[in-house]
Amino acid sequence: MKITNQFQLPKFVSDALTKDTYSRGSSSYSITQLIDSPRIRILQQRHGDEIEQDVVDFLWSRFGTAVHNMFEDNVNADNLITEERLFQEIEGWNISGAIDLQEINQDGSIGVKDYKVTSVWSVIFDKEEWHKQLNAYAWLVRHGKKTPVDSLQIIAILRDWQRRKAQEDEGYPISPIHIMDIPLWSDQEQDLYIEQRINTHQKAEFADLMDDDLPLCSDEETWKKSDKFAVKKTANKRAIRVFESMDEAQSYFDNHDLDSKHSIETRKGEATRCVQNWCRVNEWCSQYQEEKL
């Protein structure tokens, strides 16, 4: 990866931001790679030497690392295990994951906890990605340590939390640190999910080897927002109302007896990860290049 410093930050700042001690050990792939898009992973491997990233782009990940270190350094209870990396072989692949915190219960079962430095939005609207990640960790504990998992939790540090909104909005988190329970899947659901993810990535590896088209990213993997339907006066940019479905927009249009000077405009949902290049490979991605035309 090529590191840039377009804002001319001092060297000690850029060095601190770009220092990376992460390692997945001797595993083939990590849990976070496994639950993510194989297309993105393979394109990042292909173009690793060409990808550019500015030092400021590392800010929040380094902030997250600092928060992890703060919690890890202050855990001193006998029933808590911090930052343990587990390994498990499946279908010829060695999968690993570093679990932020494991709480050993009196009956020997384990509660899996994961720290997230994130936005309030992520907590309010929930993230399916967290469900997959923590249940994949539970699978890793169950198979790697032969120990059952009884609970999953996110410890969310909300970087954009606002006290006034917490006081005024009932649905807003009441604290900048929010503990969030994640639904625990059955053993069968976890096993099936991991098998499906292995199969998906292995098929992508084969396609790459044969120089075939890589599997497309899903809407979830591209962080695609849903389409919106705007009822508007044709000559104006501003909408009268915006709806989640065409049926709702059409019903509003019909019930308000709007004339031919009005129309329903479909506003395509943006694939945020692609458009803002959070994947870092959009310039080499045929899916993105075709969809933006």
C-alpha atoms as a PDB file:
ATOM      1  CA  MET A   1       0.000   0.000   0.000  1.00  0.00           C
ATOM      2  CA  LYS A   2       1.191   3.514  -0.825  1.00  0.00           C
ATOM      3  CA  ILE A   3       0.775   5.928   2.076  1.00  0.00           C
ATOM      4  CA  THR A   4       0.213   9.584   1.254  1.00  0.00           C
ATOM      5  CA  ASN A   5       0.254  12.675   3.473  1.00  0.00           C
ATOM      6  CA  GLN A   6      -1.777  15.198   1.511  1.00  0.00           C
ATOM      7  CA  PHE A   7      -2.349  17.459   4.524  1.00  0.00           C
ATOM      8  CA  GLN A   8       1.367  17.649   5.337  1.00  0.00           C
ATOM      9  CA  LEU A   9       0.997  16.350   8.869  1.00  0.00           C
ATOM     10  CA  PRO A  10       4.171  16.257  11.003  1.00  0.00           C
ATOM     11  CA  LYS A  11       6.149  13.041  10.743  1.00  0.00           C
ATOM     12  CA  PHE A  12       5.491  12.000  14.360  1.00  0.00           C
ATOM     13  CA  VAL A  13       1.748  12.277  13.668  1.00  0.00           C
ATOM     14  CA  SER A  14       1.889  10.303  10.419  1.00  0.00           C
ATOM     15  CA  ASP A  15       4.134   7.676  12.027  1.00  0.00           C
ATOM     16  CA  ALA A  16       1.707   7.240  14.911  1.00  0.00           C
ATOM     17  CA  LEU A  17      -1.262   6.939  12.569  1.00  0.00           C
ATOM     18  CA  THR A  18       0.356   4.391  10.272  1.00  0.00           C
ATOM     19  CA  LYS A  19       1.938   2.155  12.926  1.00  0.00           C
ATOM     20  CA  ASP A  20       0.189  -1.195  12.660  1.00  0.00           C
ATOM     21  CA  THR A  21       0.839  -4.186  14.914  1.00  0.00           C
ATOM     22  CA  TYR A  22      -2.071  -6.305  13.653  1.00  0.00           C
ATOM     23  CA  SER A  23      -1.363  -9.890  12.653  1.00  0.00           C
ATOM     24  CA  ARG A  24      -3.723 -12.760  11.927  1.00  0.00           C
ATOM     25  CA  GLY A  25      -0.978 -15.215  12.863  1.00  0.00           C
ATOM     26  CA  SER A  26      -0.541 -18.337  10.735  1.00  0.00           C
ATOM     27  CA  SER A  27      -4.174 -18.488   9.667  1.00  0.00           C
ATOM     28  CA  SER A  28      -5.335 -18.540   6.050  1.00  0.00           C
ATOM     29  CA  TYR A  29      -7.967 -15.896   6.720  1.00  0.00           C
ATOM     30  CA  SER A  30      -9.424 -14.037   9.651  1.00  0.00           C
ATOM     31  CA  ILE A  31     -13.063 -14.032  10.738  1.00  0.00           C
ATOM     32  CA  THR A  32     -13.411 -10.407   9.574  1.00  0.00           C
ATOM     33  CA  GLN A  33     -12.178 -11.389   6.103  1.00  0.00           C
ATOM     34  CA  LEU A  34     -14.436 -14.422   6.017  1.00  0.00           C
ATOM     35  CA  ILE A  35     -17.634 -12.483   6.709  1.00  0.00           C
ATOM     36  CA  ASP A  36     -16.719  -9.782   4.175  1.00  0.00           C
ATOM     37  CA  SER A  37     -16.836  -9.711   0.374  1.00  0.00           C
ATOM     38  CA  PRO A  38     -14.468 -12.141  -1.425  1.00  0.00           C
ATOM     39  CA  ARG A  39     -14.391  -9.740  -4.393  1.00  0.00           C
ATOM     40  CA  ILE A  40     -12.957  -6.965  -2.224  1.00  0.00           C
ATOM     41  CA  ARG A  41     -10.460  -9.288  -0.545  1.00  0.00           C
ATOM     42  CA  ILE A  42      -9.136 -10.632  -3.848  1.00  0.00           C
ATOM     43  CA  LEU A  43      -8.951  -7.196  -5.499  1.00  0.00           C
ATOM     44  CA  GLN A  44      -7.028  -5.897  -2.492  1.00  0.00           C
ATOM     45  CA  GLN A  45      -4.603  -8.803  -2.857  1.00  0.00           C
ATOM     46  CA  ARG A  46      -4.186  -8.164  -6.594  1.00  0.00           C
ATOM     47  CA  HIS A  47      -3.590  -4.440  -6.261  1.00  0.00           C
ATOM     48  CA  GLY A  48      -1.992  -4.186  -2.846  1.00  0.00           C
ATOM     49  CA  ASP A  49       1.060  -2.363  -4.217  1.00  0.00           C
ATOM     50  CA  GLU A  50      -1.109   0.137  -6.111  1.00  0.00           C
ATOM     51  CA  ILE A  51      -3.641   1.064  -3.421  1.00  0.00           C
ATOM     52  CA  GLU A  52      -3.182   4.551  -1.997  1.00  0.00           C
ATOM     53  CA  GLN A  53      -4.374   5.623   1.420  1.00  0.00           C
ATOM     54  CA  ASP A  54      -3.784   8.891   3.209  1.00  0.00           C
ATOM     55  CA  VAL A  55      -2.503   8.976   6.771  1.00  0.00           C
ATOM     56  CA  VAL A  56      -5.684  10.700   8.002  1.00  0.00           C
ATOM     57  CA  ASP A  57      -7.711   7.674   6.852  1.00  0.00           C
ATOM     58  CA  PHE A  58      -6.098   5.667   9.661  1.00  0.00           C
ATOM     59  CA  LEU A  59      -7.372   7.975  12.411  1.00  0.00           C
ATOM     60  CA  TRP A  60     -10.442   6.093  13.595  1.00  0.00           C
ATOM     61  CA  SER A  61      -8.892   2.641  13.323  1.00  0.00           C
ATOM     62  CA  ARG A  62      -5.971   3.823  15.466  1.00  0.00           C
ATOM     63  CA  PHE A  63      -8.391   5.411  17.884  1.00  0.00           C
ATOM     64  CA  GLY A  64     -10.128   2.058  18.086  1.00  0.00           C
ATOM     65  CA  THR A  65      -6.804   0.364  18.792  1.00  0.00           C
ATOM     66  CA  ALA A  66      -6.123   2.839  21.604  1.00  0.00           C
ATOM     67  CA  VAL A  67      -9.519   2.089  23.164  1.00  0.00           C
ATOM     68  CA  HIS A  68      -8.856  -1.654  22.936  1.00  0.00           C
ATOM     69  CA  ASN A  69      -5.481  -1.194  24.633  1.00  0.00           C
ATOM     70  CA  MET A  70      -7.033   0.923  27.391  1.00  0.00           C
ATOM     71  CA  PHE A  71      -9.565  -1.757  28.269  1.00  0.00           C
ATOM     72  CA  GLU A  72      -7.108  -4.616  27.859  1.00  0.00           C
ATOM     73  CA  ASP A  73      -4.544  -2.999  30.164  1.00  0.00           C
ATOM     74  CA  ASN A  74      -7.100  -2.684  32.965  1.00  0.00           C
ATOM     75  CA  VAL A  75      -8.591  -6.176  32.955  1.00  0.00           C
ATOM     76  CA  ASN A  76      -7.377  -8.067  36.013  1.00  0.00           C
ATOM     77  CA  ALA A  77     -10.178 -10.511  36.908  1.00  0.00           C
ATOM     78  CA  ASP A  78      -9.439 -14.253  36.828  1.00  0.00           C
ATOM     79  CA  ASN A  79     -12.574 -15.015  34.826  1.00  0.00           C
ATOM     80  CA  LEU A  80     -11.762 -12.570  31.992  1.00  0.00           C
ATOM     81  CA  ILE A  81      -9.588 -13.381  28.974  1.00  0.00           C
ATOM     82  CA  THR A  82      -8.478 -10.509  26.751  1.00  0.00           C
ATOM     83  CA  GLU A  83      -7.362 -10.477  23.127  1.00  0.00           C
ATOM     84  CA  GLU A  84      -7.036 -14.227  22.687  1.00  0.00           C
ATOM     85  CA  ARG A  85      -6.516 -15.331  19.100  1.00  0.00           C
ATOM     86  CA  LEU A  86      -8.150 -18.664  18.329  1.00  0.00           C
ATOM     87  CA  PHE A  87      -7.607 -20.919  15.313  1.00  0.00           C
ATOM     88  CA  GLN A  88      -9.788 -23.538  13.692  1.00  0.00           C
ATOM     89  CA  GLU A  89      -9.267 -25.573  10.522  1.00  0.00           C
ATOM     90  CA  ILE A  90     -12.206 -26.148   8.191  1.00  0.00           C
ATOM     91  CA  GLU A  91     -12.296 -27.299   4.561  1.00  0.00           C
ATOM     92  CA  GLY A  92      -8.507 -27.027   4.359  1.00  0.00           C
ATOM     93  CA  TRP A  93      -8.461 -23.417   5.585  1.00  0.00           C
ATOM     94  CA  ASN A  94      -7.147 -22.259   8.938  1.00  0.00           C
ATOM     95  CA  ILE A  95      -9.500 -19.557  10.228  1.00  0.00           C
ATOM     96  CA  SER A  96      -8.572 -17.278  13.117  1.00  0.00           C
ATOM     97  CA  GLY A  97     -10.093 -14.503  15.161  1.00  0.00           C
ATOM     98  CA  ALA A  98      -8.850 -12.336  18.026  1.00  0.00           C
ATOM     99  CA  ILE A  99     -11.650 -12.000  20.559  1.00  0.00           C
ATOM    100  CA  ASP A 100     -11.550  -8.760  22.545  1.00  0.00           C
ATOM    101  CA  LEU A 101     -12.942 -10.176  25.773  1.00  0.00           C
ATOM    102  CA  GLN A 102     -14.183 -13.570  26.986  1.00  0.00           C
ATOM    103  CA  GLU A 103     -16.010 -13.813  30.288  1.00  0.00           C
ATOM    104  CA  ILE A 104     -15.908 -17.282  31.855  1.00  0.00           C
ATOM    105  CA  ASN A 105     -19.146 -18.036  33.698  1.00  0.00           C
ATOM    106  CA  GLN A 106     -19.486 -20.267  36.766  1.00  0.00           C
ATOM    107  CA  ASP A 107     -20.849 -23.125  34.642  1.00  0.00           C
ATOM    108  CA  GLY A 108     -17.808 -22.927  32.342  1.00  0.00           C
ATOM    109  CA  SER A 109     -19.627 -21.303  29.420  1.00  0.00           C
ATOM    110  CA  ILE A 110     -18.220 -18.152  27.861  1.00  0.00           C
ATOM    111  CA  GLY A 111     -19.664 -14.735  27.116  1.00  0.00           C
ATOM    112  CA  VAL A 112     -18.055 -13.130  24.067  1.00  0.00           C
ATOM    113  CA  LYS A 113     -17.655  -9.345  24.058  1.00  0.00           C
ATOM    114  CA  ASP A 114     -16.323  -7.047  21.355  1.00  0.00           C
ATOM    115  CA  TYR A 115     -15.319  -3.383  21.568  1.00  0.00           C
ATOM    116  CA  LYS A 116     -16.473  -1.037  18.801  1.00  0.00           C
ATOM    117  CA  VAL A 117     -15.576   2.621  18.345  1.00  0.00           C
ATOM    118  CA  THR A 118     -18.505   3.638  16.205  1.00  0.00           C
ATOM    119  CA  SER A 119     -21.268   6.127  15.529  1.00  0.00           C
ATOM    120  CA  VAL A 120     -24.588   6.543  17.316  1.00  0.00           C
ATOM    121  CA  TRP A 121     -26.254   5.634  14.029  1.00  0.00           C
ATOM    122  CA  SER A 122     -24.737   2.130  14.182  1.00  0.00           C
ATOM    123  CA  VAL A 123     -26.327   1.502  17.572  1.00  0.00           C
ATOM    124  CA  ILE A 124     -29.723   3.000  16.773  1.00  0.00           C
ATOM    125  CA  PHE A 125     -30.151   1.108  13.511  1.00  0.00           C
ATOM    126  CA  ASP A 126     -28.124  -1.988  14.427  1.00  0.00           C
ATOM    127  CA  LYS A 127     -25.570  -3.605  12.124  1.00  0.00           C
ATOM    128  CA  GLU A 128     -26.112  -7.079  10.719  1.00  0.00           C
ATOM    129  CA  GLU A 129     -22.335  -7.311  10.282  1.00  0.00           C
ATOM    130  CA  TRP A 130     -21.951  -7.362  14.088  1.00  0.00           C
ATOM    131  CA  HIS A 131     -24.358 -10.281  14.380  1.00  0.00           C
ATOM    132  CA  LYS A 132     -22.330 -12.257  11.857  1.00  0.00           C
ATOM    133  CA  GLN A 133     -18.963 -11.385  13.379  1.00  0.00           C
ATOM    134  CA  LEU A 134     -19.852 -12.261  16.963  1.00  0.00           C
ATOM    135  CA  ASN A 135     -21.640 -15.471  16.004  1.00  0.00           C
ATOM    136  CA  ALA A 136     -18.561 -16.410  13.973  1.00  0.00           C
ATOM    137  CA  TYR A 137     -16.483 -15.790  17.105  1.00  0.00           C
ATOM    138  CA  ALA A 138     -18.892 -18.007  19.039  1.00  0.00           C
ATOM    139  CA  TRP A 139     -18.346 -20.723  16.413  1.00  0.00           C
ATOM    140  CA  LEU A 140     -14.591 -20.294  16.863  1.00  0.00           C
ATOM    141  CA  VAL A 141     -14.825 -20.604  20.668  1.00  0.00           C
ATOM    142  CA  ARG A 142     -17.129 -23.608  20.448  1.00  0.00           C
ATOM    143  CA  HIS A 143     -14.901 -25.509  18.023  1.00  0.00           C
ATOM    144  CA  GLY A 144     -11.485 -24.154  19.007  1.00  0.00           C
ATOM    145  CA  LYS A 145     -11.914 -24.402  22.781  1.00  0.00           C
ATOM    146  CA  LYS A 146     -14.681 -27.043  22.913  1.00  0.00           C
ATOM    147  CA  THR A 147     -16.595 -24.625  25.125  1.00  0.00           C
ATOM    148  CA  PRO A 148     -20.193 -23.385  24.734  1.00  0.00           C
ATOM    149  CA  VAL A 149     -20.967 -19.675  24.361  1.00  0.00           C
ATOM    150  CA  ASP A 150     -23.978 -18.347  26.254  1.00  0.00           C
ATOM    151  CA  SER A 151     -24.049 -14.657  25.273  1.00  0.00           C
ATOM    152  CA  LEU A 152     -22.720 -12.072  22.823  1.00  0.00           C
ATOM    153  CA  GLN A 153     -22.278  -8.369  23.508  1.00  0.00           C
ATOM    154  CA  ILE A 154     -20.979  -5.261  21.781  1.00  0.00           C
ATOM    155  CA  ILE A 155     -19.377  -2.616  24.000  1.00  0.00           C
ATOM    156  CA  ALA A 156     -19.882   0.421  21.784  1.00  0.00           C
ATOM    157  CA  ILE A 157     -17.926   3.646  22.307  1.00  0.00           C
ATOM    158  CA  LEU A 158     -19.935   6.320  20.507  1.00  0.00           C
ATOM    159  CA  ARG A 159     -17.576   8.932  19.068  1.00  0.00           C
ATOM    160  CA  ASP A 160     -20.360  11.317  17.986  1.00  0.00           C
ATOM    161  CA  TRP A 161     -22.623  11.014  21.069  1.00  0.00           C
ATOM    162  CA  GLN A 162     -24.392  14.250  22.105  1.00  0.00           C
ATOM    163  CA  ARG A 163     -25.656  14.848  25.644  1.00  0.00           C
ATOM    164  CA  ARG A 164     -28.517  17.117  24.564  1.00  0.00           C
ATOM    165  CA  LYS A 165     -29.927  14.531  22.162  1.00  0.00           C
ATOM    166  CA  ALA A 166     -29.734  11.906  24.896  1.00  0.00           C
ATOM    167  CA  GLN A 167     -31.822  14.172  27.122  1.00  0.00           C
ATOM    168  CA  GLU A 168     -34.392  15.010  24.447  1.00  0.00           C
ATOM    169  CA  ASP A 169     -34.719  11.882  22.284  1.00  0.00           C
ATOM    170  CA  GLU A 170     -36.142   8.731  23.876  1.00  0.00           C
ATOM    171  CA  GLY A 171     -34.583   6.466  21.242  1.00  0.00           C
ATOM    172  CA  TYR A 172     -31.111   7.969  21.584  1.00  0.00           C
ATOM    173  CA  PRO A 173     -28.408   6.155  23.642  1.00  0.00           C
ATOM    174  CA  ILE A 174     -28.314   7.576  27.169  1.00  0.00           C
ATOM    175  CA  SER A 175     -24.531   7.206  27.485  1.00  0.00           C
ATOM    176  CA  PRO A 176     -21.500   7.509  25.167  1.00  0.00           C
ATOM    177  CA  ILE A 177     -20.683   3.905  26.118  1.00  0.00           C
ATOM    178  CA  HIS A 178     -23.512   1.578  25.136  1.00  0.00           C
ATOM    179  CA  ILE A 179     -23.735  -2.146  25.941  1.00  0.00           C
ATOM    180  CA  MET A 180     -25.631  -3.987  23.215  1.00  0.00           C
ATOM    181  CA  ASP A 181     -26.774  -7.620  23.357  1.00  0.00           C
ATOM    182  CA  ILE A 182     -26.364  -9.530  20.097  1.00  0.00           C
ATOM    183  CA  PRO A 183     -28.680 -12.485  19.340  1.00  0.00           C
ATOM    184  CA  LEU A 184     -26.906 -15.823  19.723  1.00  0.00           C
ATOM    185  CA  TRP A 185     -27.588 -18.191  16.829  1.00  0.00           C
ATOM    186  CA  SER A 186     -28.006 -21.908  17.339  1.00  0.00           C
ATOM    187  CA  ASP A 187     -24.967 -24.156  16.861  1.00  0.00           C
ATOM    188  CA  GLN A 188     -26.478 -25.400  13.593  1.00  0.00           C
ATOM    189  CA  GLU A 189     -26.996 -21.853  12.295  1.00  0.00           C
ATOM    190  CA  GLN A 190     -23.420 -20.905  13.138  1.00  0.00           C
ATOM    191  CA  ASP A 191     -22.006 -24.038  11.483  1.00  0.00           C
ATOM    192  CA  LEU A 192     -24.077 -23.515   8.337  1.00  0.00           C
ATOM    193  CA  TYR A 193     -23.090 -19.843   8.096  1.00  0.00           C
ATOM    194  CA  ILE A 194     -19.359 -20.595   8.362  1.00  0.00           C
ATOM    195  CA  GLU A 195     -19.632 -23.406   5.813  1.00  0.00           C
ATOM    196  CA  GLN A 196     -21.436 -21.078   3.395  1.00  0.00           C
ATOM    197  CA  ARG A 197     -18.822 -18.348   3.826  1.00  0.00           C
ATOM    198  CA  ILE A 198     -15.969 -20.820   3.253  1.00  0.00           C
ATOM    199  CA  ASN A 199     -17.723 -22.099   0.137  1.00  0.00           C
ATOM    200  CA  THR A 200     -18.295 -18.562  -1.176  1.00  0.00           C
ATOM    201  CA  HIS A 201     -14.662 -17.561  -0.699  1.00  0.00           C
ATOM    202  CA  GLN A 202     -13.306 -20.807  -2.149  1.00  0.00           C
ATOM    203  CA  LYS A 203     -15.451 -20.373  -5.268  1.00  0.00           C
ATOM    204  CA  ALA A 204     -14.075 -16.832  -5.607  1.00  0.00           C
ATOM    205  CA  GLU A 205     -10.518 -18.145  -5.228  1.00  0.00           C
ATOM    206  CA  PHE A 206     -11.174 -20.660  -8.010  1.00  0.00           C
ATOM    207  CA  ALA A 207     -12.652 -17.970 -10.268  1.00  0.00           C
ATOM    208  CA  ASP A 208      -9.576 -15.828  -9.661  1.00  0.00           C
ATOM    209  CA  LEU A 209      -7.280 -18.760 -10.462  1.00  0.00           C
ATOM    210  CA  MET A 210      -9.169 -19.455 -13.715  1.00  0.00           C
ATOM    211  CA  ASP A 211      -9.243 -15.738 -14.585  1.00  0.00           C
ATOM    212  CA  ASP A 212     -13.067 -15.770 -14.498  1.00  0.00           C
ATOM    213  CA  ASP A 213     -15.340 -12.998 -13.232  1.00  0.00           C
ATOM    214  CA  LEU A 214     -15.302 -12.610  -9.479  1.00  0.00           C
ATOM    215  CA  PRO A 215     -18.632 -12.955  -7.626  1.00  0.00           C
ATOM    216  CA  LEU A 216     -20.436  -9.647  -7.244  1.00  0.00           C
ATOM    217  CA  CYS A 217     -20.667  -7.819  -3.942  1.00  0.00           C
ATOM    218  CA  SER A 218     -24.108  -7.865  -2.361  1.00  0.00           C
ATOM    219  CA  ASP A 219     -26.012  -4.678  -1.506  1.00  0.00           C
ATOM    220  CA  GLU A 220     -25.071  -5.258   2.121  1.00  0.00           C
ATOM    221  CA  GLU A 221     -21.387  -5.558   1.248  1.00  0.00           C
ATOM    222  CA  THR A 222     -21.478  -2.322  -0.764  1.00  0.00           C
ATOM    223  CA  TRP A 223     -23.399  -0.536   2.029  1.00  0.00           C
ATOM    224  CA  LYS A 224     -26.081   0.283  -0.521  1.00  0.00           C
ATOM    225  CA  LYS A 225     -28.851   2.559   0.634  1.00  0.00           C
ATOM    226  CA  SER A 226     -32.359   1.746  -0.518  1.00  0.00           C
ATOM    227  CA  ASP A 227     -33.942   3.584  -3.442  1.00  0.00           C
ATOM    228  CA  LYS A 228     -36.193   6.519  -2.609  1.00  0.00           C
ATOM    229  CA  PHE A 229     -39.197   7.852  -4.528  1.00  0.00           C
ATOM    230  CA  ALA A 230     -39.712  11.597  -4.584  1.00  0.00           C
ATOM    231  CA  VAL A 231     -42.980  13.300  -5.459  1.00  0.00           C
ATOM    232  CA  LYS A 232     -42.009  16.668  -6.894  1.00  0.00           C
ATOM    233  CA  LYS A 233     -42.916  19.446  -9.196  1.00  0.00           C
ATOM    234  CA  THR A 234     -41.042  18.508 -12.341  1.00  0.00           C
ATOM    235  CA  ALA A 235     -39.265  21.847 -12.677  1.00  0.00           C
ATOM    236  CA  ASN A 236     -38.057  21.849  -9.053  1.00  0.00           C
ATOM    237  CA  LYS A 237     -35.173  19.997  -7.462  1.00  0.00           C
ATOM    238  CA  ARG A 238     -36.744  19.912  -4.004  1.00  0.00           C
ATOM    239  CA  ALA A 239     -39.292  17.166  -3.398  1.00  0.00           C
ATOM    240  CA  ILE A 240     -42.735  17.657  -1.908  1.00  0.00           C
ATOM    241  CA  ARG A 241     -42.459  14.282  -0.168  1.00  0.00           C
ATOM    242  CA  VAL A 242     -40.000  11.382  -0.310  1.00  0.00           C
ATOM    243  CA  PHE A 243     -41.177   7.792   0.135  1.00  0.00           C
ATOM    244  CA  GLU A 244     -39.599   4.386   0.723  1.00  0.00           C
ATOM    245  CA  SER A 245     -41.622   2.669  -2.025  1.00  0.00           C
ATOM    246  CA  MET A 246     -43.121   3.504  -5.405  1.00  0.00           C
ATOM    247  CA  ASP A 247     -46.543   2.342  -4.178  1.00  0.00           C
ATOM    248  CA  GLU A 248     -46.496   4.909  -1.349  1.00  0.00           C
ATOM    249  CA  ALA A 249     -45.386   7.650  -3.715  1.00  0.00           C
ATOM    250  CA  GLN A 250     -48.026   6.736  -6.285  1.00  0.00           C
ATOM    251  CA  SER A 251     -50.738   6.650  -3.619  1.00  0.00           C
ATOM    252  CA  TYR A 252     -49.759  10.124  -2.427  1.00  0.00           C
ATOM    253  CA  PHE A 253     -49.677  11.367  -6.028  1.00  0.00           C
ATOM    254  CA  ASP A 254     -53.158   9.994  -6.785  1.00  0.00           C
ATOM    255  CA  ASN A 255     -54.791  11.066  -3.525  1.00  0.00           C
ATOM    256  CA  HIS A 256     -53.569  14.644  -3.821  1.00  0.00           C
ATOM    257  CA  ASP A 257     -54.836  15.026  -7.361  1.00  0.00           C
ATOM    258  CA  LEU A 258     -51.504  16.298  -8.692  1.00  0.00           C
ATOM    259  CA  ASP A 259     -51.382  17.483 -12.300  1.00  0.00           C
ATOM    260  CA  SER A 260     -48.989  16.814 -15.181  1.00  0.00           C
ATOM    261  CA  LYS A 261     -46.548  19.391 -13.823  1.00  0.00           C
ATOM    262  CA  HIS A 262     -45.727  16.915 -11.069  1.00  0.00           C
ATOM    263  CA  SER A 263     -43.906  13.602 -11.296  1.00  0.00           C
ATOM    264  CA  ILE A 264     -42.392  10.783  -9.260  1.00  0.00           C
ATOM    265  CA  GLU A 265     -38.618  10.673  -9.388  1.00  0.00           C
ATOM    266  CA  THR A 266     -36.698   7.513  -8.511  1.00  0.00           C
ATOM    267  CA  ARG A 267     -33.609   8.379  -6.523  1.00  0.00           C
ATOM    268  CA  LYS A 268     -31.212   5.465  -6.713  1.00  0.00           C
ATOM    269  CA  GLY A 269     -29.644   4.485  -3.406  1.00  0.00           C
ATOM    270  CA  GLU A 270     -25.912   5.066  -3.260  1.00  0.00           C
ATOM    271  CA  ALA A 271     -23.532   2.153  -2.711  1.00  0.00           C
ATOM    272  CA  THR A 272     -21.586   4.142  -0.124  1.00  0.00           C
ATOM    273  CA  ARG A 273     -18.671   1.755   0.241  1.00  0.00           C
ATOM    274  CA  CYS A 274     -18.067   1.831  -3.523  1.00  0.00           C
ATOM    275  CA  VAL A 275     -18.737   5.483  -4.254  1.00  0.00           C
ATOM    276  CA  GLN A 276     -16.615   6.755  -1.352  1.00  0.00           C
ATOM    277  CA  ASN A 277     -14.021   4.033  -1.985  1.00  0.00           C
ATOM    278  CA  TRP A 278     -14.041   2.624   1.534  1.00  0.00           C
ATOM    279  CA  CYS A 279     -13.090  -0.694  -0.070  1.00  0.00           C
ATOM    280  CA  ARG A 280     -10.021   1.059  -1.602  1.00  0.00           C
ATOM    281  CA  VAL A 281     -10.347  -0.901  -4.868  1.00  0.00           C
ATOM    282  CA  ASN A 282     -13.211   0.749  -6.748  1.00  0.00           C
ATOM    283  CA  GLU A 283     -10.975   1.822  -9.653  1.00  0.00           C
ATOM    284  CA  TRP A 284     -10.210  -1.846 -10.423  1.00  0.00           C
ATOM    285  CA  CYS A 285     -13.702  -3.164  -9.712  1.00  0.00           C
ATOM    286  CA  SER A 286     -15.743  -4.013 -12.820  1.00  0.00           C
ATOM    287  CA  GLN A 287     -18.954  -4.123 -10.782  1.00  0.00           C
ATOM    288  CA  TYR A 288     -18.524  -0.526  -9.621  1.00  0.00           C
ATOM    289  CA  GLN A 289     -17.334   0.732 -13.001  1.00  0.00           C
ATOM    290  CA  GLU A 290     -20.375  -0.765 -14.756  1.00  0.00           C
ATOM    291  CA  GLU A 291     -22.907   0.386 -12.158  1.00  0.00           C
ATOM    292  CA  LYS A 292     -21.741   4.000 -12.172  1.00  0.00           C
ATOM    293  CA  LEU A 293     -22.274   4.363 -15.924  1.00  0.00           C
END
